[in-house]
Amino acid sequence: MQRFWTRSKVSKYTLPENPWKISNDWLLRLAVQRALEIISEASRHLTDGLLALAPDIPWKQIHGIGNVLRHESHKIADDVIWSVLERHMKPLKAAILTVKQSVDEERT
C-alpha cells in the first residue's frame, strides 16, 4: 500500500501544463509512461475490497495500460497519455487517498 501511495504522487511532478511538452520532451514522455506503469502495477496489488472503495475508477483500464506501456509503448500516441493525465489523475489521487485512509484506519 505504501508503494502505491508513494507512486500516486507522480502527478505532482509529471503533469505538464499542456500536451505539447510531452510530445516535445522525450525524457518527460518516458518518465510519464514509466510512472503510469508503476501506478498500474501497484494497483494490481490492491484487494477487491480496497478497489471497491472507489467504484468510479476504471481499475481494469489502469491495470491494462501498464501492459500496453510495457509491451507496446510505441503504439501509444502522446494524446492518449495526455488524456490519461488530464482526465484520470485527479480522480485517481482522490481514490488513493480514500484507500489509504481505509488502510490506515484498519491498522489502528
PDB file of N, CA and C in Angstrom:
ATOM      1  N   MET A   1       0.816  -1.184   0.000  1.00  0.00           N
ATOM      2  CA  MET A   1       0.000   0.000   0.000  1.00  0.00           C
ATOM      3  C   MET A   1       0.866   1.257   0.000  1.00  0.00           C
ATOM      4  N   GLN A   2       1.907   1.264   0.805  1.00  0.00           N
ATOM      5  CA  GLN A   2       2.775   2.440   0.867  1.00  0.00           C
ATOM      6  C   GLN A   2       3.398   2.727  -0.497  1.00  0.00           C
ATOM      7  N   ARG A   3       3.801   1.676  -1.190  1.00  0.00           N
ATOM      8  CA  ARG A   3       4.395   1.853  -2.514  1.00  0.00           C
ATOM      9  C   ARG A   3       3.395   2.496  -3.465  1.00  0.00           C
ATOM     10  N   PHE A   4       2.149   2.028  -3.425  1.00  0.00           N
ATOM     11  CA  PHE A   4       1.121   2.584  -4.294  1.00  0.00           C
ATOM     12  C   PHE A   4       0.885   4.050  -3.957  1.00  0.00           C
ATOM     13  N   TRP A   5       0.796   4.341  -2.680  1.00  0.00           N
ATOM     14  CA  TRP A   5       0.565   5.722  -2.245  1.00  0.00           C
ATOM     15  C   TRP A   5       1.711   6.623  -2.704  1.00  0.00           C
ATOM     16  N   THR A   6       2.925   6.184  -2.525  1.00  0.00           N
ATOM     17  CA  THR A   6       4.089   6.974  -2.920  1.00  0.00           C
ATOM     18  C   THR A   6       4.092   7.212  -4.415  1.00  0.00           C
ATOM     19  N   ARG A   7       3.826   6.191  -5.176  1.00  0.00           N
ATOM     20  CA  ARG A   7       3.847   6.322  -6.633  1.00  0.00           C
ATOM     21  C   ARG A   7       2.708   7.193  -7.141  1.00  0.00           C
ATOM     22  N   SER A   8       1.614   7.271  -6.403  1.00  0.00           N
ATOM     23  CA  SER A   8       0.481   8.058  -6.870  1.00  0.00           C
ATOM     24  C   SER A   8       0.779   9.550  -6.857  1.00  0.00           C
ATOM     25  N   LYS A   9       1.812   9.941  -6.162  1.00  0.00           N
ATOM     26  CA  LYS A   9       2.178  11.354  -6.104  1.00  0.00           C
ATOM     27  C   LYS A   9       2.801  11.825  -7.409  1.00  0.00           C
ATOM     28  N   VAL A  10       2.888  10.954  -8.372  1.00  0.00           N
ATOM     29  CA  VAL A  10       3.543  11.255  -9.629  1.00  0.00           C
ATOM     30  C   VAL A  10       2.933  12.465 -10.332  1.00  0.00           C
ATOM     31  N   SER A  11       1.635  12.680 -10.210  1.00  0.00           N
ATOM     32  CA  SER A  11       1.004  13.785 -10.925  1.00  0.00           C
ATOM     33  C   SER A  11       1.596  15.122 -10.508  1.00  0.00           C
ATOM     34  N   LYS A  12       2.049  15.229  -9.300  1.00  0.00           N
ATOM     35  CA  LYS A  12       2.652  16.471  -8.819  1.00  0.00           C
ATOM     36  C   LYS A  12       3.886  16.823  -9.643  1.00  0.00           C
ATOM     37  N   TYR A  13       4.590  15.813 -10.102  1.00  0.00           N
ATOM     38  CA  TYR A  13       5.842  16.044 -10.794  1.00  0.00           C
ATOM     39  C   TYR A  13       5.763  15.886 -12.305  1.00  0.00           C
ATOM     40  N   THR A  14       4.776  15.181 -12.801  1.00  0.00           N
ATOM     41  CA  THR A  14       4.785  14.862 -14.224  1.00  0.00           C
ATOM     42  C   THR A  14       3.694  15.518 -15.039  1.00  0.00           C
ATOM     43  N   LEU A  15       2.745  16.177 -14.418  1.00  0.00           N
ATOM     44  CA  LEU A  15       1.656  16.754 -15.192  1.00  0.00           C
ATOM     45  C   LEU A  15       2.068  18.109 -15.744  1.00  0.00           C
ATOM     46  N   PRO A  16       2.470  18.161 -17.001  1.00  0.00           N
ATOM     47  CA  PRO A  16       2.854  19.430 -17.600  1.00  0.00           C
ATOM     48  C   PRO A  16       1.628  20.278 -17.899  1.00  0.00           C
ATOM     49  N   GLU A  17       1.869  21.530 -18.242  1.00  0.00           N
ATOM     50  CA  GLU A  17       0.756  22.439 -18.496  1.00  0.00           C
ATOM     51  C   GLU A  17       0.002  22.101 -19.785  1.00  0.00           C
ATOM     52  N   ASN A  18       0.658  21.484 -20.725  1.00  0.00           N
ATOM     53  CA  ASN A  18      -0.005  21.176 -21.994  1.00  0.00           C
ATOM     54  C   ASN A  18       0.604  19.930 -22.627  1.00  0.00           C
ATOM     55  N   PRO A  19      -0.139  19.338 -23.551  1.00  0.00           N
ATOM     56  CA  PRO A  19       0.325  18.075 -24.152  1.00  0.00           C
ATOM     57  C   PRO A  19       1.555  18.223 -25.029  1.00  0.00           C
ATOM     58  N   TRP A  20       1.828  19.411 -25.513  1.00  0.00           N
ATOM     59  CA  TRP A  20       2.982  19.580 -26.395  1.00  0.00           C
ATOM     60  C   TRP A  20       4.290  19.342 -25.665  1.00  0.00           C
ATOM     61  N   LYS A  21       4.284  19.583 -24.356  1.00  0.00           N
ATOM     62  CA  LYS A  21       5.515  19.321 -23.594  1.00  0.00           C
ATOM     63  C   LYS A  21       5.848  17.837 -23.593  1.00  0.00           C
ATOM     64  N   ILE A  22       4.831  17.004 -23.544  1.00  0.00           N
ATOM     65  CA  ILE A  22       5.082  15.559 -23.594  1.00  0.00           C
ATOM     66  C   ILE A  22       5.593  15.178 -24.974  1.00  0.00           C
ATOM     67  N   SER A  23       4.983  15.719 -26.002  1.00  0.00           N
ATOM     68  CA  SER A  23       5.371  15.388 -27.372  1.00  0.00           C
ATOM     69  C   SER A  23       6.788  15.838 -27.690  1.00  0.00           C
ATOM     70  N   ASN A  24       7.180  16.964 -27.132  1.00  0.00           N
ATOM     71  CA  ASN A  24       8.473  17.554 -27.495  1.00  0.00           C
ATOM     72  C   ASN A  24       9.611  17.201 -26.547  1.00  0.00           C
ATOM     73  N   ASP A  25       9.307  16.509 -25.477  1.00  0.00           N
ATOM     74  CA  ASP A  25      10.347  16.184 -24.495  1.00  0.00           C
ATOM     75  C   ASP A  25      10.386  14.671 -24.303  1.00  0.00           C
ATOM     76  N   TRP A  26      11.319  14.031 -24.973  1.00  0.00           N
ATOM     77  CA  TRP A  26      11.409  12.578 -24.950  1.00  0.00           C
ATOM     78  C   TRP A  26      11.571  12.057 -23.531  1.00  0.00           C
ATOM     79  N   LEU A  27      12.405  12.716 -22.723  1.00  0.00           N
ATOM     80  CA  LEU A  27      12.646  12.251 -21.368  1.00  0.00           C
ATOM     81  C   LEU A  27      11.400  12.390 -20.492  1.00  0.00           C
ATOM     82  N   LEU A  28      10.680  13.491 -20.637  1.00  0.00           N
ATOM     83  CA  LEU A  28       9.437  13.666 -19.890  1.00  0.00           C
ATOM     84  C   LEU A  28       8.417  12.609 -20.295  1.00  0.00           C
ATOM     85  N   ARG A  29       8.287  12.352 -21.589  1.00  0.00           N
ATOM     86  CA  ARG A  29       7.354  11.326 -22.073  1.00  0.00           C
ATOM     87  C   ARG A  29       7.707   9.965 -21.479  1.00  0.00           C
ATOM     88  N   LEU A  30       8.976   9.634 -21.483  1.00  0.00           N
ATOM     89  CA  LEU A  30       9.424   8.358 -20.919  1.00  0.00           C
ATOM     90  C   LEU A  30       9.133   8.296 -19.420  1.00  0.00           C
ATOM     91  N   ALA A  31       9.379   9.380 -18.711  1.00  0.00           N
ATOM     92  CA  ALA A  31       9.124   9.417 -17.264  1.00  0.00           C
ATOM     93  C   ALA A  31       7.641   9.263 -16.966  1.00  0.00           C
ATOM     94  N   VAL A  32       6.799   9.936 -17.728  1.00  0.00           N
ATOM     95  CA  VAL A  32       5.352   9.838 -17.513  1.00  0.00           C
ATOM     96  C   VAL A  32       4.880   8.417 -17.789  1.00  0.00           C
ATOM     97  N   GLN A  33       5.342   7.844 -18.886  1.00  0.00           N
ATOM     98  CA  GLN A  33       4.943   6.475 -19.207  1.00  0.00           C
ATOM     99  C   GLN A  33       5.403   5.502 -18.126  1.00  0.00           C
ATOM    100  N   ARG A  34       6.593   5.670 -17.639  1.00  0.00           N
ATOM    101  CA  ARG A  34       7.101   4.778 -16.585  1.00  0.00           C
ATOM    102  C   ARG A  34       6.297   4.955 -15.307  1.00  0.00           C
ATOM    103  N   ALA A  35       5.972   6.186 -14.971  1.00  0.00           N
ATOM    104  CA  ALA A  35       5.171   6.442 -13.774  1.00  0.00           C
ATOM    105  C   ALA A  35       3.806   5.771 -13.889  1.00  0.00           C
ATOM    106  N   LEU A  36       3.202   5.834 -15.063  1.00  0.00           N
ATOM    107  CA  LEU A  36       1.909   5.180 -15.268  1.00  0.00           C
ATOM    108  C   LEU A  36       2.039   3.658 -15.157  1.00  0.00           C
ATOM    109  N   GLU A  37       3.137   3.117 -15.645  1.00  0.00           N
ATOM    110  CA  GLU A  37       3.384   1.676 -15.489  1.00  0.00           C
ATOM    111  C   GLU A  37       3.438   1.299 -14.017  1.00  0.00           C
ATOM    112  N   ILE A  38       4.138   2.092 -13.226  1.00  0.00           N
ATOM    113  CA  ILE A  38       4.294   1.810 -11.803  1.00  0.00           C
ATOM    114  C   ILE A  38       2.953   1.885 -11.089  1.00  0.00           C
ATOM    115  N   ILE A  39       2.169   2.909 -11.409  1.00  0.00           N
ATOM    116  CA  ILE A  39       0.837   3.037 -10.805  1.00  0.00           C
ATOM    117  C   ILE A  39      -0.018   1.832 -11.185  1.00  0.00           C
ATOM    118  N   SER A  40       0.050   1.449 -12.449  1.00  0.00           N
ATOM    119  CA  SER A  40      -0.718   0.301 -12.918  1.00  0.00           C
ATOM    120  C   SER A  40      -0.337  -0.960 -12.154  1.00  0.00           C
ATOM    121  N   GLU A  41       0.945  -1.216 -12.038  1.00  0.00           N
ATOM    122  CA  GLU A  41       1.404  -2.425 -11.350  1.00  0.00           C
ATOM    123  C   GLU A  41       1.032  -2.394  -9.874  1.00  0.00           C
ATOM    124  N   ALA A  42       1.198  -1.259  -9.246  1.00  0.00           N
ATOM    125  CA  ALA A  42       0.869  -1.151  -7.827  1.00  0.00           C
ATOM    126  C   ALA A  42      -0.624  -1.371  -7.594  1.00  0.00           C
ATOM    127  N   SER A  43      -1.457  -0.887  -8.513  1.00  0.00           N
ATOM    128  CA  SER A  43      -2.906  -1.042  -8.343  1.00  0.00           C
ATOM    129  C   SER A  43      -3.331  -2.503  -8.410  1.00  0.00           C
ATOM    130  N   ARG A  44      -2.534  -3.326  -9.060  1.00  0.00           N
ATOM    131  CA  ARG A  44      -2.835  -4.760  -9.150  1.00  0.00           C
ATOM    132  C   ARG A  44      -2.723  -5.456  -7.800  1.00  0.00           C
ATOM    133  N   HIS A  45      -2.031  -4.835  -6.867  1.00  0.00           N
ATOM    134  CA  HIS A  45      -1.815  -5.441  -5.557  1.00  0.00           C
ATOM    135  C   HIS A  45      -2.862  -5.022  -4.529  1.00  0.00           C
ATOM    136  N   LEU A  46      -3.805  -4.181  -4.941  1.00  0.00           N
ATOM    137  CA  LEU A  46      -4.884  -3.788  -4.040  1.00  0.00           C
ATOM    138  C   LEU A  46      -5.936  -4.889  -4.017  1.00  0.00           C
ATOM    139  N   THR A  47      -6.497  -5.127  -2.854  1.00  0.00           N
ATOM    140  CA  THR A  47      -7.543  -6.146  -2.736  1.00  0.00           C
ATOM    141  C   THR A  47      -8.831  -5.654  -3.393  1.00  0.00           C
ATOM    142  N   ASP A  48      -9.716  -6.590  -3.684  1.00  0.00           N
ATOM    143  CA  ASP A  48     -11.017  -6.219  -4.257  1.00  0.00           C
ATOM    144  C   ASP A  48     -11.774  -5.286  -3.323  1.00  0.00           C
ATOM    145  N   GLY A  49     -11.637  -5.522  -2.027  1.00  0.00           N
ATOM    146  CA  GLY A  49     -12.303  -4.658  -1.057  1.00  0.00           C
ATOM    147  C   GLY A  49     -11.816  -3.222  -1.136  1.00  0.00           C
ATOM    148  N   LEU A  50     -10.523  -3.052  -1.309  1.00  0.00           N
ATOM    149  CA  LEU A  50      -9.975  -1.696  -1.434  1.00  0.00           C
ATOM    150  C   LEU A  50     -10.372  -1.057  -2.757  1.00  0.00           C
ATOM    151  N   LEU A  51     -10.361  -1.832  -3.816  1.00  0.00           N
ATOM    152  CA  LEU A  51     -10.785  -1.299  -5.114  1.00  0.00           C
ATOM    153  C   LEU A  51     -12.251  -0.869  -5.083  1.00  0.00           C
ATOM    154  N   ALA A  52     -13.051  -1.592  -4.304  1.00  0.00           N
ATOM    155  CA  ALA A  52     -14.482  -1.277  -4.209  1.00  0.00           C
ATOM    156  C   ALA A  52     -14.735   0.061  -3.514  1.00  0.00           C
ATOM    157  N   LEU A  53     -13.755   0.564  -2.791  1.00  0.00           N
ATOM    158  CA  LEU A  53     -13.911   1.869  -2.151  1.00  0.00           C
ATOM    159  C   LEU A  53     -13.959   3.007  -3.172  1.00  0.00           C
ATOM    160  N   ALA A  54     -13.509   2.723  -4.371  1.00  0.00           N
ATOM    161  CA  ALA A  54     -13.509   3.726  -5.438  1.00  0.00           C
ATOM    162  C   ALA A  54     -14.104   3.113  -6.702  1.00  0.00           C
ATOM    163  N   PRO A  55     -15.413   2.882  -6.701  1.00  0.00           N
ATOM    164  CA  PRO A  55     -16.029   2.180  -7.828  1.00  0.00           C
ATOM    165  C   PRO A  55     -16.037   2.971  -9.140  1.00  0.00           C
ATOM    166  N   ASP A  56     -15.846   4.260  -9.070  1.00  0.00           N
ATOM    167  CA  ASP A  56     -15.852   5.070 -10.293  1.00  0.00           C
ATOM    168  C   ASP A  56     -14.513   5.046 -11.030  1.00  0.00           C
ATOM    169  N   ILE A  57     -13.515   4.490 -10.407  1.00  0.00           N
ATOM    170  CA  ILE A  57     -12.194   4.413 -11.039  1.00  0.00           C
ATOM    171  C   ILE A  57     -12.164   3.196 -11.966  1.00  0.00           C
ATOM    172  N   PRO A  58     -11.712   3.382 -13.199  1.00  0.00           N
ATOM    173  CA  PRO A  58     -11.652   2.249 -14.142  1.00  0.00           C
ATOM    174  C   PRO A  58     -10.424   1.374 -13.880  1.00  0.00           C
ATOM    175  N   TRP A  59     -10.503   0.584 -12.801  1.00  0.00           N
ATOM    176  CA  TRP A  59      -9.344  -0.205 -12.370  1.00  0.00           C
ATOM    177  C   TRP A  59      -8.846  -1.154 -13.452  1.00  0.00           C
ATOM    178  N   LYS A  60      -9.748  -1.777 -14.201  1.00  0.00           N
ATOM    179  CA  LYS A  60      -9.305  -2.701 -15.260  1.00  0.00           C
ATOM    180  C   LYS A  60      -8.495  -1.965 -16.320  1.00  0.00           C
ATOM    181  N   GLN A  61      -8.907  -0.747 -16.629  1.00  0.00           N
ATOM    182  CA  GLN A  61      -8.159   0.047 -17.614  1.00  0.00           C
ATOM    183  C   GLN A  61      -6.797   0.462 -17.052  1.00  0.00           C
ATOM    184  N   ILE A  62      -6.762   0.771 -15.769  1.00  0.00           N
ATOM    185  CA  ILE A  62      -5.487   1.124 -15.140  1.00  0.00           C
ATOM    186  C   ILE A  62      -4.551  -0.072 -15.183  1.00  0.00           C
ATOM    187  N   HIS A  63      -5.077  -1.248 -14.885  1.00  0.00           N
ATOM    188  CA  HIS A  63      -4.262  -2.464 -14.976  1.00  0.00           C
ATOM    189  C   HIS A  63      -3.780  -2.660 -16.416  1.00  0.00           C
ATOM    190  N   GLY A  64      -4.675  -2.459 -17.351  1.00  0.00           N
ATOM    191  CA  GLY A  64      -4.378  -2.712 -18.761  1.00  0.00           C
ATOM    192  C   GLY A  64      -3.363  -1.766 -19.370  1.00  0.00           C
ATOM    193  N   ILE A  65      -3.407  -0.500 -18.969  1.00  0.00           N
ATOM    194  CA  ILE A  65      -2.469   0.446 -19.585  1.00  0.00           C
ATOM    195  C   ILE A  65      -1.030   0.093 -19.239  1.00  0.00           C
ATOM    196  N   GLY A  66      -0.838  -0.500 -18.076  1.00  0.00           N
ATOM    197  CA  GLY A  66       0.515  -0.936 -17.716  1.00  0.00           C
ATOM    198  C   GLY A  66       1.041  -1.980 -18.677  1.00  0.00           C
ATOM    199  N   ASN A  67       0.190  -2.932 -19.047  1.00  0.00           N
ATOM    200  CA  ASN A  67       0.603  -3.955 -20.015  1.00  0.00           C
ATOM    201  C   ASN A  67       0.941  -3.343 -21.361  1.00  0.00           C
ATOM    202  N   VAL A  68       0.111  -2.424 -21.800  1.00  0.00           N
ATOM    203  CA  VAL A  68       0.359  -1.780 -23.090  1.00  0.00           C
ATOM    204  C   VAL A  68       1.661  -0.988 -23.041  1.00  0.00           C
ATOM    205  N   LEU A  69       1.861  -0.245 -21.969  1.00  0.00           N
ATOM    206  CA  LEU A  69       3.088   0.547 -21.863  1.00  0.00           C
ATOM    207  C   LEU A  69       4.324  -0.332 -21.789  1.00  0.00           C
ATOM    208  N   ARG A  70       4.225  -1.475 -21.119  1.00  0.00           N
ATOM    209  CA  ARG A  70       5.376  -2.371 -21.012  1.00  0.00           C
ATOM    210  C   ARG A  70       5.716  -3.044 -22.334  1.00  0.00           C
ATOM    211  N   HIS A  71       4.690  -3.407 -23.077  1.00  0.00           N
ATOM    212  CA  HIS A  71       4.929  -4.249 -24.254  1.00  0.00           C
ATOM    213  C   HIS A  71       4.704  -3.562 -25.594  1.00  0.00           C
ATOM    214  N   GLU A  72       3.970  -2.468 -25.593  1.00  0.00           N
ATOM    215  CA  GLU A  72       3.643  -1.831 -26.868  1.00  0.00           C
ATOM    216  C   GLU A  72       3.638  -0.309 -26.756  1.00  0.00           C
ATOM    217  N   SER A  73       4.571   0.235 -26.011  1.00  0.00           N
ATOM    218  CA  SER A  73       4.568   1.680 -25.774  1.00  0.00           C
ATOM    219  C   SER A  73       4.692   2.482 -27.064  1.00  0.00           C
ATOM    220  N   HIS A  74       5.303   1.901 -28.064  1.00  0.00           N
ATOM    221  CA  HIS A  74       5.450   2.587 -29.346  1.00  0.00           C
ATOM    222  C   HIS A  74       4.103   2.801 -30.045  1.00  0.00           C
ATOM    223  N   LYS A  75       3.073   2.097 -29.584  1.00  0.00           N
ATOM    224  CA  LYS A  75       1.750   2.228 -30.207  1.00  0.00           C
ATOM    225  C   LYS A  75       0.865   3.268 -29.528  1.00  0.00           C
ATOM    226  N   ILE A  76       1.336   3.836 -28.435  1.00  0.00           N
ATOM    227  CA  ILE A  76       0.515   4.795 -27.702  1.00  0.00           C
ATOM    228  C   ILE A  76       0.882   6.206 -28.131  1.00  0.00           C
ATOM    229  N   ALA A  77      -0.105   6.916 -28.616  1.00  0.00           N
ATOM    230  CA  ALA A  77       0.104   8.298 -29.040  1.00  0.00           C
ATOM    231  C   ALA A  77       0.196   9.211 -27.814  1.00  0.00           C
ATOM    232  N   ASP A  78       0.903  10.297 -27.988  1.00  0.00           N
ATOM    233  CA  ASP A  78       1.071  11.245 -26.889  1.00  0.00           C
ATOM    234  C   ASP A  78      -0.260  11.793 -26.399  1.00  0.00           C
ATOM    235  N   ASP A  79      -1.227  11.952 -27.298  1.00  0.00           N
ATOM    236  CA  ASP A  79      -2.522  12.490 -26.867  1.00  0.00           C
ATOM    237  C   ASP A  79      -3.261  11.509 -25.956  1.00  0.00           C
ATOM    238  N   VAL A  80      -2.984  10.215 -26.078  1.00  0.00           N
ATOM    239  CA  VAL A  80      -3.588   9.228 -25.181  1.00  0.00           C
ATOM    240  C   VAL A  80      -2.995   9.382 -23.780  1.00  0.00           C
ATOM    241  N   ILE A  81      -1.697   9.532 -23.712  1.00  0.00           N
ATOM    242  CA  ILE A  81      -1.039   9.736 -22.418  1.00  0.00           C
ATOM    243  C   ILE A  81      -1.545  11.035 -21.790  1.00  0.00           C
ATOM    244  N   TRP A  82      -1.646  12.070 -22.596  1.00  0.00           N
ATOM    245  CA  TRP A  82      -2.142  13.347 -22.084  1.00  0.00           C
ATOM    246  C   TRP A  82      -3.563  13.200 -21.543  1.00  0.00           C
ATOM    247  N   SER A  83      -4.393  12.485 -22.254  1.00  0.00           N
ATOM    248  CA  SER A  83      -5.775  12.271 -21.821  1.00  0.00           C
ATOM    249  C   SER A  83      -5.821  11.552 -20.475  1.00  0.00           C
ATOM    250  N   VAL A  84      -4.976  10.544 -20.311  1.00  0.00           N
ATOM    251  CA  VAL A  84      -4.918   9.826 -19.033  1.00  0.00           C
ATOM    252  C   VAL A  84      -4.539  10.792 -17.919  1.00  0.00           C
ATOM    253  N   LEU A  85      -3.523  11.586 -18.151  1.00  0.00           N
ATOM    254  CA  LEU A  85      -3.086  12.533 -17.125  1.00  0.00           C
ATOM    255  C   LEU A  85      -4.159  13.564 -16.814  1.00  0.00           C
ATOM    256  N   GLU A  86      -4.715  14.126 -17.842  1.00  0.00           N
ATOM    257  CA  GLU A  86      -5.667  15.225 -17.663  1.00  0.00           C
ATOM    258  C   GLU A  86      -6.992  14.760 -17.060  1.00  0.00           C
ATOM    259  N   ARG A  87      -7.486  13.619 -17.500  1.00  0.00           N
ATOM    260  CA  ARG A  87      -8.806  13.162 -17.061  1.00  0.00           C
ATOM    261  C   ARG A  87      -8.800  12.283 -15.822  1.00  0.00           C
ATOM    262  N   HIS A  88      -7.760  11.501 -15.652  1.00  0.00           N
ATOM    263  CA  HIS A  88      -7.827  10.447 -14.648  1.00  0.00           C
ATOM    264  C   HIS A  88      -6.933  10.620 -13.421  1.00  0.00           C
ATOM    265  N   MET A  89      -5.931  11.467 -13.487  1.00  0.00           N
ATOM    266  CA  MET A  89      -5.021  11.563 -12.342  1.00  0.00           C
ATOM    267  C   MET A  89      -5.690  12.170 -11.106  1.00  0.00           C
ATOM    268  N   LYS A  90      -6.499  13.199 -11.268  1.00  0.00           N
ATOM    269  CA  LYS A  90      -7.151  13.799 -10.093  1.00  0.00           C
ATOM    270  C   LYS A  90      -8.124  12.828  -9.435  1.00  0.00           C
ATOM    271  N   PRO A  91      -9.029  12.189 -10.196  1.00  0.00           N
ATOM    272  CA  PRO A  91      -9.908  11.207  -9.554  1.00  0.00           C
ATOM    273  C   PRO A  91      -9.134  10.029  -8.952  1.00  0.00           C
ATOM    274  N   LEU A  92      -8.068   9.610  -9.619  1.00  0.00           N
ATOM    275  CA  LEU A  92      -7.269   8.507  -9.099  1.00  0.00           C
ATOM    276  C   LEU A  92      -6.592   8.914  -7.789  1.00  0.00           C
ATOM    277  N   LYS A  93      -6.093  10.120  -7.736  1.00  0.00           N
ATOM    278  CA  LYS A  93      -5.468  10.590  -6.499  1.00  0.00           C
ATOM    279  C   LYS A  93      -6.487  10.609  -5.355  1.00  0.00           C
ATOM    280  N   ALA A  94      -7.702  11.079  -5.631  1.00  0.00           N
ATOM    281  CA  ALA A  94      -8.754  11.086  -4.608  1.00  0.00           C
ATOM    282  C   ALA A  94      -9.076   9.667  -4.153  1.00  0.00           C
ATOM    283  N   ALA A  95      -9.128   8.735  -5.097  1.00  0.00           N
ATOM    284  CA  ALA A  95      -9.397   7.337  -4.757  1.00  0.00           C
ATOM    285  C   ALA A  95      -8.282   6.770  -3.892  1.00  0.00           C
ATOM    286  N   ILE A  96      -7.061   7.109  -4.224  1.00  0.00           N
ATOM    287  CA  ILE A  96      -5.927   6.609  -3.459  1.00  0.00           C
ATOM    288  C   ILE A  96      -5.969   7.145  -2.033  1.00  0.00           C
ATOM    289  N   LEU A  97      -6.360   8.402  -1.881  1.00  0.00           N
ATOM    290  CA  LEU A  97      -6.493   8.963  -0.528  1.00  0.00           C
ATOM    291  C   LEU A  97      -7.548   8.203   0.272  1.00  0.00           C
ATOM    292  N   THR A  98      -8.652   7.854  -0.384  1.00  0.00           N
ATOM    293  CA  THR A  98      -9.707   7.082   0.270  1.00  0.00           C
ATOM    294  C   THR A  98      -9.192   5.703   0.678  1.00  0.00           C
ATOM    295  N   VAL A  99      -8.507   5.051  -0.219  1.00  0.00           N
ATOM    296  CA  VAL A  99      -7.954   3.728   0.060  1.00  0.00           C
ATOM    297  C   VAL A  99      -6.928   3.812   1.189  1.00  0.00           C
ATOM    298  N   LYS A 100      -6.057   4.796   1.110  1.00  0.00           N
ATOM    299  CA  LYS A 100      -5.037   4.963   2.151  1.00  0.00           C
ATOM    300  C   LYS A 100      -5.681   5.205   3.513  1.00  0.00           C
ATOM    301  N   GLN A 101      -6.701   6.035   3.556  1.00  0.00           N
ATOM    302  CA  GLN A 101      -7.384   6.302   4.822  1.00  0.00           C
ATOM    303  C   GLN A 101      -7.985   5.018   5.388  1.00  0.00           C
ATOM    304  N   SER A 102      -8.584   4.214   4.532  1.00  0.00           N
ATOM    305  CA  SER A 102      -9.169   2.951   4.967  1.00  0.00           C
ATOM    306  C   SER A 102      -8.102   2.014   5.535  1.00  0.00           C
ATOM    307  N   VAL A 103      -6.981   1.916   4.856  1.00  0.00           N
ATOM    308  CA  VAL A 103      -5.899   1.048   5.320  1.00  0.00           C
ATOM    309  C   VAL A 103      -5.353   1.565   6.641  1.00  0.00           C
ATOM    310  N   ASP A 104      -5.175   2.875   6.737  1.00  0.00           N
ATOM    311  CA  ASP A 104      -4.670   3.456   7.982  1.00  0.00           C
ATOM    312  C   ASP A 104      -5.625   3.188   9.155  1.00  0.00           C
ATOM    313  N   GLU A 105      -6.924   3.277   8.902  1.00  0.00           N
ATOM    314  CA  GLU A 105      -7.914   3.027   9.963  1.00  0.00           C
ATOM    315  C   GLU A 105      -7.894   1.574  10.394  1.00  0.00           C
ATOM    316  N   GLU A 106      -7.695   0.664   9.451  1.00  0.00           N
ATOM    317  CA  GLU A 106      -7.639  -0.759   9.786  1.00  0.00           C
ATOM    318  C   GLU A 106      -6.409  -1.081  10.650  1.00  0.00           C
ATOM    319  N   ARG A 107      -5.355  -0.342  10.435  1.00  0.00           N
ATOM    320  CA  ARG A 107      -4.117  -0.596  11.181  1.00  0.00           C
ATOM    321  C   ARG A 107      -4.163  -0.067  12.601  1.00  0.00           C
ATOM    322  N   THR A 108      -5.040   0.894  12.866  1.00  0.00           N
ATOM    323  CA  THR A 108      -5.087   1.481  14.219  1.00  0.00           C
ATOM    324  C   THR A 108      -6.141   0.838  15.075  1.00  0.00           C
TER     325      THR A 108
END
